[in-house]
Amino acid sequence: QLQLVESGGGLVQPGGSLRLSCAASGFTLNYYTIGWFRQAPGKEREGVSCISSSDGSTYYADSVKGRFTISRDNAKNTVYLQMNSLKPEDTARYYCAAFGGIATVQAMCVMSLVGSWGQGTQVTVSS
C-alpha cells in the first residue's frame, strides 16, 4: 500500500529553521514527482515546492523562494524540505504528496496534481 509519512514539524521562533521529511513506503519515490503543500486555517492550500522524478528540476512558490529547499534521497526513499528564515506566515500544516503522471513540477504545485497525500505535519512559527 502506497504511504507517505511526514515528520519534522514543530514550534520554531521567527527566523529559525526546520527540516521536514517525507518517507515513502509501498512504492519507490524516485519514480514520482513529489511536492510539499501547506494549508493554514481559513486559507487555501498552497503548493510550496515540487521536485521532478526525472531530472531533479524544482519549483518554489514565490512566498518561499530563497528560503526553502526541496531535495530527495532516493537511497532512503525520502524527500526533504529545508525551511530557513521562517516567518509567522509560514505557519500551516504541511503535506507531502506524490504524482505518478506526466507533468511539470510547476503544474503539480500550482494545479495540485496529486495521486497520494500524507497525513501532514504541523509547523508553527511564533515567538
C-alpha atoms as a PDB file:
ATOM      1  CA  GLN A   1       0.000   0.000   0.000  1.00  0.00           C
ATOM      2  CA  LEU A   2       1.371   3.367  -1.043  1.00  0.00           C
ATOM      3  CA  GLN A   3       2.025   5.519   2.021  1.00  0.00           C
ATOM      4  CA  LEU A   4       3.694   8.864   2.687  1.00  0.00           C
ATOM      5  CA  VAL A   5       4.688   9.837   6.221  1.00  0.00           C
ATOM      6  CA  GLU A   6       5.785  13.355   7.084  1.00  0.00           C
ATOM      7  CA  SER A   7       7.870  14.312  10.101  1.00  0.00           C
ATOM      8  CA  GLY A   8       9.957  17.200  11.381  1.00  0.00           C
ATOM      9  CA  GLY A   9       7.303  19.774  12.119  1.00  0.00           C
ATOM     10  CA  GLY A  10       7.138  21.721  15.344  1.00  0.00           C
ATOM     11  CA  LEU A  11       7.228  25.102  17.019  1.00  0.00           C
ATOM     12  CA  VAL A  12      10.011  27.456  15.982  1.00  0.00           C
ATOM     13  CA  GLN A  13      10.739  31.140  16.518  1.00  0.00           C
ATOM     14  CA  PRO A  14      10.702  33.573  13.610  1.00  0.00           C
ATOM     15  CA  GLY A  15      13.991  33.385  11.757  1.00  0.00           C
ATOM     16  CA  GLY A  16      14.507  29.776  12.758  1.00  0.00           C
ATOM     17  CA  SER A  17      14.799  26.638  10.656  1.00  0.00           C
ATOM     18  CA  LEU A  18      13.130  23.271  10.340  1.00  0.00           C
ATOM     19  CA  ARG A  19      13.654  20.295   8.073  1.00  0.00           C
ATOM     20  CA  LEU A  20      10.629  18.299   7.064  1.00  0.00           C
ATOM     21  CA  SER A  21      10.964  14.718   5.892  1.00  0.00           C
ATOM     22  CA  CYS A  22       8.627  12.682   3.722  1.00  0.00           C
ATOM     23  CA  ALA A  23       9.275   8.957   3.854  1.00  0.00           C
ATOM     24  CA  ALA A  24       7.605   6.648   1.376  1.00  0.00           C
ATOM     25  CA  SER A  25       6.601   3.041   1.847  1.00  0.00           C
ATOM     26  CA  GLY A  26       4.998   0.655  -0.562  1.00  0.00           C
ATOM     27  CA  PHE A  27       6.488   2.353  -3.599  1.00  0.00           C
ATOM     28  CA  THR A  28       9.714   3.846  -4.900  1.00  0.00           C
ATOM     29  CA  LEU A  29       9.778   7.617  -4.588  1.00  0.00           C
ATOM     30  CA  ASN A  30      12.209   8.236  -7.419  1.00  0.00           C
ATOM     31  CA  TYR A  31       9.552   7.295  -9.983  1.00  0.00           C
ATOM     32  CA  TYR A  32       7.234  10.035  -8.739  1.00  0.00           C
ATOM     33  CA  THR A  33       7.150  13.792  -8.763  1.00  0.00           C
ATOM     34  CA  ILE A  34       6.954  14.822  -5.116  1.00  0.00           C
ATOM     35  CA  GLY A  35       5.539  18.009  -3.710  1.00  0.00           C
ATOM     36  CA  TRP A  36       5.113  19.822  -0.437  1.00  0.00           C
ATOM     37  CA  PHE A  37       1.833  21.624   0.112  1.00  0.00           C
ATOM     38  CA  ARG A  38       0.601  23.612   3.069  1.00  0.00           C
ATOM     39  CA  GLN A  39      -2.714  24.808   4.400  1.00  0.00           C
ATOM     40  CA  ALA A  40      -3.377  27.252   7.191  1.00  0.00           C
ATOM     41  CA  PRO A  41      -6.771  27.601   8.878  1.00  0.00           C
ATOM     42  CA  GLY A  42      -9.107  29.660   6.745  1.00  0.00           C
ATOM     43  CA  LYS A  43      -6.700  29.731   3.799  1.00  0.00           C
ATOM     44  CA  GLU A  44      -6.479  27.858   0.536  1.00  0.00           C
ATOM     45  CA  ARG A  45      -3.995  25.049   0.093  1.00  0.00           C
ATOM     46  CA  GLU A  46      -0.736  26.219  -1.448  1.00  0.00           C
ATOM     47  CA  GLY A  47       1.811  24.262  -3.421  1.00  0.00           C
ATOM     48  CA  VAL A  48       5.044  25.180  -1.674  1.00  0.00           C
ATOM     49  CA  SER A  49       7.648  23.217  -3.610  1.00  0.00           C
ATOM     50  CA  CYS A  50       7.804  20.289  -6.007  1.00  0.00           C
ATOM     51  CA  ILE A  51      10.657  18.168  -7.339  1.00  0.00           C
ATOM     52  CA  SER A  52      10.765  16.141 -10.521  1.00  0.00           C
ATOM     53  CA  SER A  53      11.350  12.412 -10.675  1.00  0.00           C
ATOM     54  CA  SER A  54      13.264  12.609 -13.936  1.00  0.00           C
ATOM     55  CA  ASP A  55      15.729  15.483 -13.983  1.00  0.00           C
ATOM     56  CA  GLY A  56      15.545  16.830 -10.434  1.00  0.00           C
ATOM     57  CA  SER A  57      14.021  20.111 -11.551  1.00  0.00           C
ATOM     58  CA  THR A  58      12.290  22.068  -8.830  1.00  0.00           C
ATOM     59  CA  TYR A  59       9.540  24.598  -8.369  1.00  0.00           C
ATOM     60  CA  TYR A  60       9.091  27.018  -5.474  1.00  0.00           C
ATOM     61  CA  ALA A  61       6.189  29.264  -4.660  1.00  0.00           C
ATOM     62  CA  ASP A  62       7.182  32.922  -4.641  1.00  0.00           C
ATOM     63  CA  SER A  63       6.360  33.077  -0.934  1.00  0.00           C
ATOM     64  CA  VAL A  64       9.179  30.649  -0.059  1.00  0.00           C
ATOM     65  CA  LYS A  65      11.703  31.188  -2.850  1.00  0.00           C
ATOM     66  CA  GLY A  66      15.186  31.716  -1.469  1.00  0.00           C
ATOM     67  CA  ARG A  67      14.245  30.365   1.963  1.00  0.00           C
ATOM     68  CA  PHE A  68      13.085  26.789   1.339  1.00  0.00           C
ATOM     69  CA  THR A  69      14.966  23.994  -0.406  1.00  0.00           C
ATOM     70  CA  ILE A  70      13.483  20.697  -1.579  1.00  0.00           C
ATOM     71  CA  SER A  71      15.684  17.663  -2.083  1.00  0.00           C
ATOM     72  CA  ARG A  72      15.373  13.926  -2.447  1.00  0.00           C
ATOM     73  CA  ASP A  73      17.451  10.997  -1.236  1.00  0.00           C
ATOM     74  CA  ASN A  74      16.436   8.082  -3.417  1.00  0.00           C
ATOM     75  CA  ALA A  75      18.543   5.643  -1.418  1.00  0.00           C
ATOM     76  CA  LYS A  76      16.474   6.484   1.671  1.00  0.00           C
ATOM     77  CA  ASN A  77      13.245   6.803  -0.319  1.00  0.00           C
ATOM     78  CA  THR A  78      12.768  10.186   1.311  1.00  0.00           C
ATOM     79  CA  VAL A  79      12.161  13.769   0.229  1.00  0.00           C
ATOM     80  CA  TYR A  80      13.110  16.720   2.407  1.00  0.00           C
ATOM     81  CA  LEU A  81      12.038  20.323   2.733  1.00  0.00           C
ATOM     82  CA  GLN A  82      14.634  22.522   4.393  1.00  0.00           C
ATOM     83  CA  MET A  83      12.944  25.657   5.678  1.00  0.00           C
ATOM     84  CA  ASN A  84      15.098  28.602   6.729  1.00  0.00           C
ATOM     85  CA  SER A  85      14.295  32.161   7.817  1.00  0.00           C
ATOM     86  CA  LEU A  86      10.851  31.045   8.878  1.00  0.00           C
ATOM     87  CA  LYS A  87       8.127  33.640   9.231  1.00  0.00           C
ATOM     88  CA  PRO A  88       4.850  33.580  11.168  1.00  0.00           C
ATOM     89  CA  GLU A  89       3.015  33.402   7.844  1.00  0.00           C
ATOM     90  CA  ASP A  90       4.691  30.035   7.201  1.00  0.00           C
ATOM     91  CA  THR A  91       2.554  28.583   9.977  1.00  0.00           C
ATOM     92  CA  ALA A  92       0.440  25.801   8.471  1.00  0.00           C
ATOM     93  CA  ARG A  93       0.013  22.079   8.227  1.00  0.00           C
ATOM     94  CA  TYR A  94       2.472  20.774   5.666  1.00  0.00           C
ATOM     95  CA  TYR A  95       1.610  17.820   3.476  1.00  0.00           C
ATOM     96  CA  CYS A  96       3.757  15.640   1.287  1.00  0.00           C
ATOM     97  CA  ALA A  97       2.238  14.422  -1.967  1.00  0.00           C
ATOM     98  CA  ALA A  98       3.158  12.173  -4.862  1.00  0.00           C
ATOM     99  CA  PHE A  99       2.187  12.291  -8.512  1.00  0.00           C
ATOM    100  CA  GLY A 100       2.974   9.466 -10.892  1.00  0.00           C
ATOM    101  CA  GLY A 101       1.731  11.035 -14.118  1.00  0.00           C
ATOM    102  CA  ILE A 102       3.432  13.227 -16.683  1.00  0.00           C
ATOM    103  CA  ALA A 103       3.501  16.880 -15.669  1.00  0.00           C
ATOM    104  CA  THR A 104       5.914  19.659 -14.921  1.00  0.00           C
ATOM    105  CA  VAL A 105       6.837  20.414 -11.346  1.00  0.00           C
ATOM    106  CA  GLN A 106       5.128  23.769 -11.707  1.00  0.00           C
ATOM    107  CA  ALA A 107       1.914  22.099 -12.860  1.00  0.00           C
ATOM    108  CA  MET A 108       1.968  19.736  -9.927  1.00  0.00           C
ATOM    109  CA  CYS A 109       2.399  22.510  -7.411  1.00  0.00           C
ATOM    110  CA  VAL A 110       0.125  25.113  -8.966  1.00  0.00           C
ATOM    111  CA  MET A 111      -2.663  22.742 -10.033  1.00  0.00           C
ATOM    112  CA  SER A 112      -2.324  20.321  -7.093  1.00  0.00           C
ATOM    113  CA  LEU A 113      -1.827  17.333  -9.375  1.00  0.00           C
ATOM    114  CA  VAL A 114      -1.660  14.726  -6.659  1.00  0.00           C
ATOM    115  CA  GLY A 115      -2.205  10.996  -6.570  1.00  0.00           C
ATOM    116  CA  SER A 116      -1.412  10.355  -2.909  1.00  0.00           C
ATOM    117  CA  TRP A 117      -1.236  12.502   0.205  1.00  0.00           C
ATOM    118  CA  GLY A 118       0.499  12.108   3.520  1.00  0.00           C
ATOM    119  CA  GLN A 119      -1.211  12.899   6.813  1.00  0.00           C
ATOM    120  CA  GLY A 120       0.667  16.158   7.311  1.00  0.00           C
ATOM    121  CA  THR A 121       2.888  17.710   9.948  1.00  0.00           C
ATOM    122  CA  GLN A 122       2.210  20.970  11.784  1.00  0.00           C
ATOM    123  CA  VAL A 123       4.634  23.859  11.541  1.00  0.00           C
ATOM    124  CA  THR A 124       4.103  26.797  13.883  1.00  0.00           C
ATOM    125  CA  VAL A 125       6.289  29.879  13.698  1.00  0.00           C
ATOM    126  CA  SER A 126       5.800  32.071  16.722  1.00  0.00           C
ATOM    127  CA  SER A 127       7.741  33.929  19.372  1.00  0.00           C
END
